[in-house]
Amino acid sequence: MDKRLFAGLALLLLFAGTSVADPPKPPSPKSAGQIVVADAARTNRYVFILFAREDDAATQAVRHTLQATLARRGAQATSLEVRVTDPAEKPMVEQYGVSRAPMPLVLAVAPNGAITGGFPLKLTEAQVAQAFVSPAVAQCLKAVQARKLVLLCVQPTPTAALPQGVRDFHADPQYRAAS
């Protein structure tokens, strides 16, 4: 492969993890659901959280699709069901802000905590498959969801000068590169 072409694909990630004001970190696991999510992260697995108000036909259909689809994925993911009306799961419902969402609702959470998919009312096998993303996509989603600014600059060559807009942005004291 031509060295210039290979070098031209080099990516410069500026300001990764930078924000004006960082949001508060989620509280340490308190509910049974939060413990399952923390365990999935520790074992590098996705967790699909099925939020529901009641065990109606729609919830049963979503549960069936989710369980059947994840059974074919082996140890790559786990699932968990959270009843939004259960007082013990209130921390989980508040953490994901789903108290007023249409139910049933499935959230796909990557091992790093990024939400990679949200599926209200119905769920398909294709939607579950699309929720599995690369680690780089999960990292970018996590930064965006934490309201952090990510600026990615693709340069044609490693020695190419950064565009003026990127340099101006980088010089702005309001935005500081993460240490």
N, C-alpha and C. Protein backbone atom coordinates (compact mmCIF):
# COMPACT_ATOMS: atom_id res chain seq x y z
N MET A 1 0.85 -1.18 0.00
CA MET A 1 0.00 0.00 0.00
C MET A 1 0.89 1.24 0.00
N ASP A 2 0.53 2.22 -0.77
CA ASP A 2 1.27 3.48 -0.86
C ASP A 2 1.32 4.14 0.52
N LYS A 3 2.54 4.53 0.96
CA LYS A 3 2.71 5.13 2.28
C LYS A 3 1.91 6.42 2.41
N ARG A 4 1.85 7.19 1.32
CA ARG A 4 1.10 8.46 1.39
C ARG A 4 -0.38 8.20 1.60
N LEU A 5 -0.92 7.17 0.92
CA LEU A 5 -2.33 6.85 1.08
C LEU A 5 -2.59 6.39 2.49
N PHE A 6 -1.72 5.52 3.01
CA PHE A 6 -1.88 5.03 4.36
C PHE A 6 -1.78 6.19 5.36
N ALA A 7 -0.79 7.04 5.18
CA ALA A 7 -0.62 8.18 6.08
C ALA A 7 -1.77 9.16 5.95
N GLY A 8 -2.35 9.24 4.77
CA GLY A 8 -3.47 10.15 4.55
C GLY A 8 -4.71 9.75 5.32
N LEU A 9 -4.75 8.52 5.75
CA LEU A 9 -5.91 8.05 6.51
C LEU A 9 -5.77 8.26 8.00
N ALA A 10 -4.66 8.87 8.41
CA ALA A 10 -4.43 9.11 9.84
C ALA A 10 -5.50 10.05 10.36
N LEU A 11 -5.99 9.74 11.53
CA LEU A 11 -7.04 10.55 12.15
C LEU A 11 -6.47 11.29 13.34
N LEU A 12 -6.90 12.51 13.49
CA LEU A 12 -6.48 13.32 14.62
C LEU A 12 -7.72 13.62 15.44
N LEU A 13 -7.77 13.13 16.62
CA LEU A 13 -8.92 13.35 17.48
C LEU A 13 -8.58 14.49 18.44
N LEU A 14 -9.24 15.61 18.22
CA LEU A 14 -9.03 16.78 19.06
C LEU A 14 -10.19 16.92 20.03
N PHE A 15 -9.92 17.33 21.18
CA PHE A 15 -10.93 17.63 22.18
C PHE A 15 -11.72 16.41 22.63
N ALA A 16 -11.23 15.22 22.47
CA ALA A 16 -11.99 14.04 22.90
C ALA A 16 -12.23 14.16 24.39
N GLY A 17 -13.47 14.03 24.75
CA GLY A 17 -13.80 14.09 26.16
C GLY A 17 -13.79 15.48 26.73
N THR A 18 -13.95 16.50 25.91
CA THR A 18 -13.92 17.87 26.38
C THR A 18 -15.34 18.41 26.48
N SER A 19 -15.60 19.15 27.50
CA SER A 19 -16.90 19.81 27.61
C SER A 19 -16.74 21.06 28.45
N VAL A 20 -17.73 21.92 28.34
CA VAL A 20 -17.72 23.13 29.13
C VAL A 20 -18.00 22.79 30.59
N ALA A 21 -18.99 21.96 30.83
CA ALA A 21 -19.33 21.54 32.19
C ALA A 21 -19.70 20.07 32.15
N ASP A 22 -18.96 19.26 32.87
CA ASP A 22 -19.23 17.83 32.88
C ASP A 22 -20.49 17.55 33.70
N PRO A 23 -21.38 16.69 33.19
CA PRO A 23 -22.57 16.34 33.96
C PRO A 23 -22.16 15.45 35.13
N PRO A 24 -23.00 15.37 36.14
CA PRO A 24 -22.64 14.51 37.27
C PRO A 24 -22.59 13.05 36.84
N LYS A 25 -21.72 12.28 37.47
CA LYS A 25 -21.61 10.87 37.16
C LYS A 25 -22.82 10.15 37.75
N PRO A 26 -23.25 9.05 37.07
CA PRO A 26 -24.38 8.31 37.62
C PRO A 26 -24.03 7.75 39.00
N PRO A 27 -25.04 7.61 39.85
CA PRO A 27 -24.75 7.12 41.18
C PRO A 27 -24.26 5.67 41.13
N SER A 28 -23.58 5.25 42.19
CA SER A 28 -23.12 3.87 42.24
C SER A 28 -24.34 2.95 42.21
N PRO A 29 -24.17 1.72 41.69
CA PRO A 29 -25.32 0.82 41.56
C PRO A 29 -26.07 0.65 42.87
N LYS A 30 -27.39 0.81 42.79
CA LYS A 30 -28.25 0.68 43.96
C LYS A 30 -29.33 -0.36 43.74
N SER A 31 -29.95 -0.33 42.58
CA SER A 31 -31.03 -1.26 42.32
C SER A 31 -30.48 -2.54 41.71
N ALA A 32 -31.32 -3.58 41.71
CA ALA A 32 -30.92 -4.85 41.11
C ALA A 32 -30.56 -4.65 39.63
N GLY A 33 -31.33 -3.81 38.94
CA GLY A 33 -31.04 -3.53 37.53
C GLY A 33 -29.70 -2.87 37.33
N GLN A 34 -29.37 -1.91 38.18
CA GLN A 34 -28.08 -1.23 38.07
C GLN A 34 -26.93 -2.19 38.34
N ILE A 35 -27.14 -3.15 39.21
CA ILE A 35 -26.10 -4.14 39.48
C ILE A 35 -25.87 -5.02 38.26
N VAL A 36 -26.95 -5.41 37.56
CA VAL A 36 -26.82 -6.21 36.34
C VAL A 36 -26.07 -5.43 35.27
N VAL A 37 -26.39 -4.15 35.11
CA VAL A 37 -25.72 -3.31 34.12
C VAL A 37 -24.22 -3.19 34.45
N ALA A 38 -23.90 -2.98 35.71
CA ALA A 38 -22.50 -2.87 36.12
C ALA A 38 -21.75 -4.18 35.88
N ASP A 39 -22.41 -5.31 36.15
CA ASP A 39 -21.79 -6.61 35.92
C ASP A 39 -21.54 -6.85 34.43
N ALA A 40 -22.50 -6.46 33.59
CA ALA A 40 -22.32 -6.60 32.14
C ALA A 40 -21.14 -5.76 31.67
N ALA A 41 -21.00 -4.56 32.18
CA ALA A 41 -19.87 -3.70 31.80
C ALA A 41 -18.55 -4.33 32.23
N ARG A 42 -18.53 -4.86 33.42
CA ARG A 42 -17.30 -5.47 33.95
C ARG A 42 -16.88 -6.69 33.12
N THR A 43 -17.84 -7.40 32.56
CA THR A 43 -17.54 -8.60 31.76
C THR A 43 -17.55 -8.30 30.26
N ASN A 44 -17.56 -7.01 29.91
CA ASN A 44 -17.48 -6.56 28.51
C ASN A 44 -18.62 -7.11 27.65
N ARG A 45 -19.83 -7.03 28.18
CA ARG A 45 -21.01 -7.48 27.44
C ARG A 45 -22.01 -6.34 27.32
N TYR A 46 -22.79 -6.40 26.26
CA TYR A 46 -23.91 -5.49 26.11
C TYR A 46 -25.02 -5.94 27.05
N VAL A 47 -25.86 -5.00 27.45
CA VAL A 47 -27.06 -5.35 28.20
C VAL A 47 -28.24 -4.68 27.51
N PHE A 48 -29.27 -5.46 27.27
CA PHE A 48 -30.50 -4.95 26.68
C PHE A 48 -31.52 -4.88 27.80
N ILE A 49 -31.97 -3.65 28.09
CA ILE A 49 -32.88 -3.42 29.21
C ILE A 49 -34.29 -3.26 28.66
N LEU A 50 -35.18 -4.13 29.09
CA LEU A 50 -36.59 -4.05 28.70
C LEU A 50 -37.33 -3.35 29.83
N PHE A 51 -37.75 -2.13 29.57
CA PHE A 51 -38.55 -1.37 30.52
C PHE A 51 -40.02 -1.59 30.18
N ALA A 52 -40.84 -1.88 31.19
CA ALA A 52 -42.27 -2.11 30.96
C ALA A 52 -43.06 -1.66 32.17
N ARG A 53 -44.31 -1.30 31.93
CA ARG A 53 -45.23 -0.94 33.01
C ARG A 53 -46.00 -2.17 33.47
N GLU A 54 -46.40 -3.00 32.52
CA GLU A 54 -47.20 -4.19 32.82
C GLU A 54 -46.80 -5.31 31.88
N ASP A 55 -47.26 -6.50 32.17
CA ASP A 55 -46.93 -7.66 31.35
C ASP A 55 -48.03 -7.90 30.32
N ASP A 56 -48.21 -6.92 29.44
CA ASP A 56 -49.26 -7.03 28.42
C ASP A 56 -48.72 -7.75 27.18
N ALA A 57 -49.57 -7.86 26.16
CA ALA A 57 -49.20 -8.60 24.94
C ALA A 57 -47.98 -7.98 24.26
N ALA A 58 -47.91 -6.65 24.22
CA ALA A 58 -46.77 -5.99 23.57
C ALA A 58 -45.47 -6.30 24.32
N THR A 59 -45.51 -6.27 25.63
CA THR A 59 -44.32 -6.58 26.43
C THR A 59 -43.90 -8.02 26.23
N GLN A 60 -44.87 -8.92 26.19
CA GLN A 60 -44.56 -10.34 25.97
C GLN A 60 -43.93 -10.57 24.61
N ALA A 61 -44.42 -9.88 23.59
CA ALA A 61 -43.86 -10.02 22.24
C ALA A 61 -42.43 -9.50 22.18
N VAL A 62 -42.19 -8.35 22.79
CA VAL A 62 -40.85 -7.77 22.81
C VAL A 62 -39.91 -8.69 23.59
N ARG A 63 -40.35 -9.19 24.74
CA ARG A 63 -39.54 -10.09 25.55
C ARG A 63 -39.16 -11.34 24.76
N HIS A 64 -40.13 -11.91 24.05
CA HIS A 64 -39.87 -13.12 23.26
C HIS A 64 -38.82 -12.84 22.17
N THR A 65 -38.98 -11.75 21.44
CA THR A 65 -38.02 -11.40 20.38
C THR A 65 -36.63 -11.17 20.97
N LEU A 66 -36.57 -10.45 22.07
CA LEU A 66 -35.28 -10.15 22.70
C LEU A 66 -34.59 -11.43 23.17
N GLN A 67 -35.31 -12.28 23.87
CA GLN A 67 -34.70 -13.51 24.40
C GLN A 67 -34.25 -14.43 23.27
N ALA A 68 -35.08 -14.57 22.24
CA ALA A 68 -34.73 -15.45 21.12
C ALA A 68 -33.51 -14.92 20.37
N THR A 69 -33.45 -13.62 20.16
CA THR A 69 -32.33 -13.02 19.43
C THR A 69 -31.03 -13.11 20.23
N LEU A 70 -31.09 -12.80 21.52
CA LEU A 70 -29.88 -12.82 22.34
C LEU A 70 -29.39 -14.25 22.58
N ALA A 71 -30.28 -15.22 22.55
CA ALA A 71 -29.87 -16.62 22.72
C ALA A 71 -28.91 -17.04 21.62
N ARG A 72 -29.06 -16.46 20.45
CA ARG A 72 -28.17 -16.78 19.33
C ARG A 72 -26.85 -16.01 19.40
N ARG A 73 -26.73 -15.07 20.29
CA ARG A 73 -25.52 -14.26 20.41
C ARG A 73 -24.58 -14.74 21.50
N GLY A 74 -24.95 -15.78 22.20
CA GLY A 74 -24.07 -16.36 23.21
C GLY A 74 -23.75 -15.39 24.33
N ALA A 75 -22.49 -15.29 24.67
CA ALA A 75 -22.05 -14.48 25.81
C ALA A 75 -21.80 -13.03 25.44
N GLN A 76 -22.21 -12.62 24.25
CA GLN A 76 -21.96 -11.25 23.81
C GLN A 76 -22.86 -10.24 24.52
N ALA A 77 -24.01 -10.70 25.00
CA ALA A 77 -24.97 -9.78 25.61
C ALA A 77 -25.83 -10.50 26.63
N THR A 78 -26.45 -9.70 27.46
CA THR A 78 -27.41 -10.20 28.43
C THR A 78 -28.62 -9.28 28.40
N SER A 79 -29.68 -9.69 29.02
CA SER A 79 -30.87 -8.84 29.07
C SER A 79 -31.36 -8.73 30.50
N LEU A 80 -32.20 -7.77 30.69
CA LEU A 80 -32.74 -7.49 32.01
C LEU A 80 -34.09 -6.82 31.82
N GLU A 81 -35.03 -7.14 32.67
CA GLU A 81 -36.35 -6.51 32.60
C GLU A 81 -36.55 -5.65 33.83
N VAL A 82 -37.01 -4.43 33.61
CA VAL A 82 -37.24 -3.48 34.69
C VAL A 82 -38.69 -3.01 34.63
N ARG A 83 -39.40 -3.24 35.70
CA ARG A 83 -40.78 -2.75 35.82
C ARG A 83 -40.69 -1.31 36.30
N VAL A 84 -41.13 -0.35 35.48
CA VAL A 84 -40.96 1.06 35.83
C VAL A 84 -41.78 1.47 37.04
N THR A 85 -42.78 0.68 37.41
CA THR A 85 -43.60 1.00 38.57
C THR A 85 -43.05 0.41 39.86
N ASP A 86 -41.95 -0.35 39.78
CA ASP A 86 -41.34 -0.97 40.95
C ASP A 86 -40.50 0.07 41.68
N PRO A 87 -40.86 0.41 42.93
CA PRO A 87 -40.09 1.41 43.67
C PRO A 87 -38.61 1.05 43.83
N ALA A 88 -38.30 -0.24 43.87
CA ALA A 88 -36.90 -0.66 44.03
C ALA A 88 -36.08 -0.32 42.79
N GLU A 89 -36.73 -0.17 41.64
CA GLU A 89 -36.03 0.14 40.40
C GLU A 89 -36.08 1.63 40.05
N LYS A 90 -36.56 2.45 40.97
CA LYS A 90 -36.64 3.89 40.71
C LYS A 90 -35.29 4.49 40.31
N PRO A 91 -34.18 4.11 40.97
CA PRO A 91 -32.88 4.68 40.55
C PRO A 91 -32.55 4.36 39.09
N MET A 92 -32.90 3.16 38.65
CA MET A 92 -32.64 2.74 37.27
C MET A 92 -33.51 3.54 36.30
N VAL A 93 -34.78 3.69 36.63
CA VAL A 93 -35.71 4.45 35.79
C VAL A 93 -35.25 5.90 35.69
N GLU A 94 -34.81 6.47 36.79
CA GLU A 94 -34.34 7.85 36.77
C GLU A 94 -33.01 7.99 36.03
N GLN A 95 -32.12 7.03 36.20
CA GLN A 95 -30.82 7.09 35.53
C GLN A 95 -30.99 7.17 34.01
N TYR A 96 -31.93 6.41 33.47
CA TYR A 96 -32.15 6.40 32.02
C TYR A 96 -33.27 7.34 31.58
N GLY A 97 -33.94 7.98 32.51
CA GLY A 97 -34.97 8.96 32.17
C GLY A 97 -36.12 8.40 31.36
N VAL A 98 -36.62 7.24 31.73
CA VAL A 98 -37.64 6.57 30.92
C VAL A 98 -39.03 6.55 31.54
N SER A 99 -39.24 7.30 32.60
CA SER A 99 -40.53 7.22 33.30
C SER A 99 -41.72 7.60 32.42
N ARG A 100 -41.52 8.46 31.46
CA ARG A 100 -42.62 8.90 30.60
C ARG A 100 -42.51 8.38 29.18
N ALA A 101 -41.61 7.45 28.95
CA ALA A 101 -41.39 6.89 27.60
C ALA A 101 -42.51 5.91 27.25
N PRO A 102 -42.76 5.75 25.95
CA PRO A 102 -43.73 4.73 25.56
C PRO A 102 -43.19 3.34 25.90
N MET A 103 -44.07 2.50 26.42
CA MET A 103 -43.67 1.17 26.87
C MET A 103 -44.37 0.10 26.05
N PRO A 104 -43.74 -1.04 25.88
CA PRO A 104 -42.42 -1.41 26.38
C PRO A 104 -41.33 -0.69 25.61
N LEU A 105 -40.19 -0.55 26.25
CA LEU A 105 -39.04 0.14 25.68
C LEU A 105 -37.80 -0.70 25.94
N VAL A 106 -37.01 -0.94 24.89
CA VAL A 106 -35.75 -1.65 25.05
C VAL A 106 -34.62 -0.66 24.79
N LEU A 107 -33.68 -0.58 25.73
CA LEU A 107 -32.46 0.21 25.54
C LEU A 107 -31.29 -0.76 25.44
N ALA A 108 -30.45 -0.56 24.43
CA ALA A 108 -29.22 -1.34 24.28
C ALA A 108 -28.09 -0.51 24.87
N VAL A 109 -27.36 -1.09 25.81
CA VAL A 109 -26.28 -0.38 26.49
C VAL A 109 -24.97 -1.13 26.24
N ALA A 110 -24.01 -0.42 25.66
CA ALA A 110 -22.69 -1.00 25.37
C ALA A 110 -21.93 -1.19 26.68
N PRO A 111 -20.87 -1.99 26.65
CA PRO A 111 -20.08 -2.19 27.88
C PRO A 111 -19.56 -0.91 28.52
N ASN A 112 -19.33 0.13 27.73
CA ASN A 112 -18.83 1.38 28.30
C ASN A 112 -19.95 2.28 28.83
N GLY A 113 -21.20 1.83 28.72
CA GLY A 113 -22.33 2.60 29.22
C GLY A 113 -23.05 3.42 28.17
N ALA A 114 -22.55 3.46 26.95
CA ALA A 114 -23.21 4.22 25.88
C ALA A 114 -24.50 3.51 25.47
N ILE A 115 -25.53 4.29 25.26
CA ILE A 115 -26.79 3.73 24.75
C ILE A 115 -26.67 3.67 23.24
N THR A 116 -26.70 2.46 22.70
CA THR A 116 -26.50 2.28 21.26
C THR A 116 -27.80 2.02 20.52
N GLY A 117 -28.89 1.94 21.23
CA GLY A 117 -30.18 1.75 20.57
C GLY A 117 -31.31 1.92 21.55
N GLY A 118 -32.42 2.46 21.06
CA GLY A 118 -33.63 2.60 21.86
C GLY A 118 -34.81 2.20 20.99
N PHE A 119 -35.60 1.24 21.46
CA PHE A 119 -36.66 0.67 20.63
C PHE A 119 -37.97 0.64 21.40
N PRO A 120 -38.84 1.64 21.18
CA PRO A 120 -40.12 1.67 21.88
C PRO A 120 -41.17 0.80 21.17
N LEU A 121 -42.03 0.20 21.95
CA LEU A 121 -43.24 -0.52 21.52
C LEU A 121 -43.01 -1.84 20.81
N LYS A 122 -42.07 -1.92 19.88
CA LYS A 122 -41.82 -3.15 19.13
C LYS A 122 -40.32 -3.37 19.02
N LEU A 123 -39.94 -4.61 18.75
CA LEU A 123 -38.53 -4.93 18.61
C LEU A 123 -38.38 -5.99 17.53
N THR A 124 -37.36 -5.80 16.68
CA THR A 124 -37.07 -6.79 15.65
C THR A 124 -35.65 -7.32 15.85
N GLU A 125 -35.39 -8.46 15.26
CA GLU A 125 -34.06 -9.04 15.32
C GLU A 125 -33.03 -8.11 14.67
N ALA A 126 -33.43 -7.45 13.59
CA ALA A 126 -32.52 -6.52 12.90
C ALA A 126 -32.15 -5.35 13.81
N GLN A 127 -33.09 -4.86 14.60
CA GLN A 127 -32.79 -3.75 15.50
C GLN A 127 -31.78 -4.17 16.56
N VAL A 128 -31.93 -5.38 17.07
CA VAL A 128 -30.98 -5.88 18.06
C VAL A 128 -29.59 -5.96 17.43
N ALA A 129 -29.51 -6.49 16.22
CA ALA A 129 -28.22 -6.62 15.53
C ALA A 129 -27.57 -5.26 15.31
N GLN A 130 -28.36 -4.25 14.95
CA GLN A 130 -27.82 -2.92 14.69
C GLN A 130 -27.34 -2.23 15.96
N ALA A 131 -27.79 -2.67 17.12
CA ALA A 131 -27.39 -2.04 18.37
C ALA A 131 -25.96 -2.40 18.77
N PHE A 132 -25.42 -3.46 18.17
CA PHE A 132 -24.03 -3.82 18.45
C PHE A 132 -23.15 -2.96 17.55
N VAL A 133 -22.34 -2.12 18.16
CA VAL A 133 -21.50 -1.19 17.40
C VAL A 133 -20.03 -1.43 17.74
N SER A 134 -19.16 -0.84 16.95
CA SER A 134 -17.72 -0.99 17.21
C SER A 134 -17.36 -0.24 18.49
N PRO A 135 -16.26 -0.62 19.12
CA PRO A 135 -15.82 0.10 20.33
C PRO A 135 -15.61 1.60 20.08
N ALA A 136 -15.12 1.96 18.89
CA ALA A 136 -14.91 3.38 18.59
C ALA A 136 -16.23 4.13 18.51
N VAL A 137 -17.24 3.53 17.89
CA VAL A 137 -18.56 4.16 17.82
C VAL A 137 -19.14 4.28 19.23
N ALA A 138 -18.99 3.24 20.03
CA ALA A 138 -19.50 3.29 21.40
C ALA A 138 -18.81 4.40 22.20
N GLN A 139 -17.51 4.57 21.98
CA GLN A 139 -16.77 5.62 22.69
C GLN A 139 -17.28 7.00 22.28
N CYS A 140 -17.50 7.21 21.00
CA CYS A 140 -18.01 8.50 20.53
C CYS A 140 -19.43 8.75 21.04
N LEU A 141 -20.27 7.72 20.99
CA LEU A 141 -21.64 7.87 21.51
C LEU A 141 -21.63 8.22 22.99
N LYS A 142 -20.76 7.57 23.74
CA LYS A 142 -20.67 7.85 25.17
C LYS A 142 -20.28 9.30 25.42
N ALA A 143 -19.33 9.81 24.66
CA ALA A 143 -18.91 11.21 24.81
C ALA A 143 -20.05 12.16 24.45
N VAL A 144 -20.74 11.90 23.38
CA VAL A 144 -21.85 12.75 22.97
C VAL A 144 -22.97 12.70 24.01
N GLN A 145 -23.29 11.50 24.50
CA GLN A 145 -24.36 11.35 25.48
C GLN A 145 -24.00 12.00 26.82
N ALA A 146 -22.71 12.13 27.09
CA ALA A 146 -22.27 12.81 28.31
C ALA A 146 -22.13 14.31 28.07
N ARG A 147 -22.63 14.74 26.92
CA ARG A 147 -22.58 16.15 26.52
C ARG A 147 -21.16 16.67 26.44
N LYS A 148 -20.31 15.82 25.95
CA LYS A 148 -18.92 16.21 25.72
C LYS A 148 -18.75 16.46 24.24
N LEU A 149 -17.83 17.31 23.93
CA LEU A 149 -17.59 17.71 22.56
C LEU A 149 -16.51 16.85 21.95
N VAL A 150 -16.79 16.28 20.80
CA VAL A 150 -15.81 15.49 20.09
C VAL A 150 -15.61 16.11 18.72
N LEU A 151 -14.38 16.47 18.41
CA LEU A 151 -14.06 17.03 17.10
C LEU A 151 -13.07 16.10 16.44
N LEU A 152 -13.44 15.60 15.29
CA LEU A 152 -12.59 14.67 14.56
C LEU A 152 -12.14 15.37 13.29
N CYS A 153 -10.83 15.41 13.09
CA CYS A 153 -10.28 16.07 11.91
C CYS A 153 -9.54 15.02 11.09
N VAL A 154 -9.98 14.79 9.86
CA VAL A 154 -9.33 13.85 8.97
C VAL A 154 -8.42 14.65 8.06
N GLN A 155 -7.14 14.31 8.08
CA GLN A 155 -6.16 15.04 7.29
C GLN A 155 -5.76 14.24 6.06
N PRO A 156 -5.56 14.91 4.92
CA PRO A 156 -5.15 14.17 3.73
C PRO A 156 -3.74 13.60 3.84
N THR A 157 -2.89 14.25 4.57
CA THR A 157 -1.53 13.75 4.83
C THR A 157 -1.17 14.09 6.26
N PRO A 158 -0.21 13.37 6.84
CA PRO A 158 0.15 13.66 8.23
C PRO A 158 0.75 15.04 8.43
N THR A 159 1.30 15.62 7.39
CA THR A 159 1.94 16.92 7.53
C THR A 159 1.03 18.08 7.09
N ALA A 160 -0.17 17.76 6.66
CA ALA A 160 -1.09 18.81 6.21
C ALA A 160 -1.45 19.72 7.37
N ALA A 161 -1.56 20.99 7.09
CA ALA A 161 -1.92 21.96 8.11
C ALA A 161 -3.40 21.79 8.46
N LEU A 162 -3.71 21.99 9.72
CA LEU A 162 -5.10 21.93 10.14
C LEU A 162 -5.86 23.09 9.50
N PRO A 163 -7.12 22.88 9.14
CA PRO A 163 -7.91 23.98 8.60
C PRO A 163 -8.03 25.11 9.63
N GLN A 164 -8.16 26.33 9.14
CA GLN A 164 -8.22 27.49 10.01
C GLN A 164 -9.34 27.38 11.04
N GLY A 165 -10.50 26.87 10.64
CA GLY A 165 -11.62 26.72 11.58
C GLY A 165 -11.27 25.80 12.74
N VAL A 166 -10.55 24.73 12.46
CA VAL A 166 -10.13 23.81 13.52
C VAL A 166 -9.13 24.50 14.44
N ARG A 167 -8.19 25.24 13.86
CA ARG A 167 -7.21 25.97 14.69
C ARG A 167 -7.90 27.02 15.56
N ASP A 168 -8.87 27.73 15.00
CA ASP A 168 -9.60 28.75 15.77
C ASP A 168 -10.36 28.11 16.92
N PHE A 169 -10.99 27.00 16.62
CA PHE A 169 -11.75 26.30 17.65
C PHE A 169 -10.82 25.82 18.76
N HIS A 170 -9.70 25.26 18.37
CA HIS A 170 -8.73 24.75 19.33
C HIS A 170 -8.18 25.88 20.21
N ALA A 171 -8.06 27.08 19.67
CA ALA A 171 -7.52 28.20 20.42
C ALA A 171 -8.54 28.84 21.36
N ASP A 172 -9.82 28.55 21.19
CA ASP A 172 -10.87 29.14 22.02
C ASP A 172 -10.69 28.67 23.47
N PRO A 173 -10.50 29.58 24.42
CA PRO A 173 -10.25 29.18 25.81
C PRO A 173 -11.45 28.47 26.46
N GLN A 174 -12.63 28.61 25.88
CA GLN A 174 -13.81 27.94 26.44
C GLN A 174 -13.73 26.43 26.28
N TYR A 175 -12.99 25.99 25.30
CA TYR A 175 -12.87 24.55 25.00
C TYR A 175 -11.43 24.14 25.22
N ARG A 176 -11.21 23.29 26.17
CA ARG A 176 -9.87 22.85 26.48
C ARG A 176 -9.75 21.36 26.17
N ALA A 177 -8.61 20.99 25.64
CA ALA A 177 -8.37 19.57 25.37
C ALA A 177 -8.26 18.82 26.67
N ALA A 178 -8.81 17.61 26.69
CA ALA A 178 -8.73 16.77 27.90
C ALA A 178 -7.30 16.36 28.14
N SER A 179 -6.94 16.28 29.38
CA SER A 179 -5.58 15.88 29.74
C SER A 179 -5.47 14.39 29.74
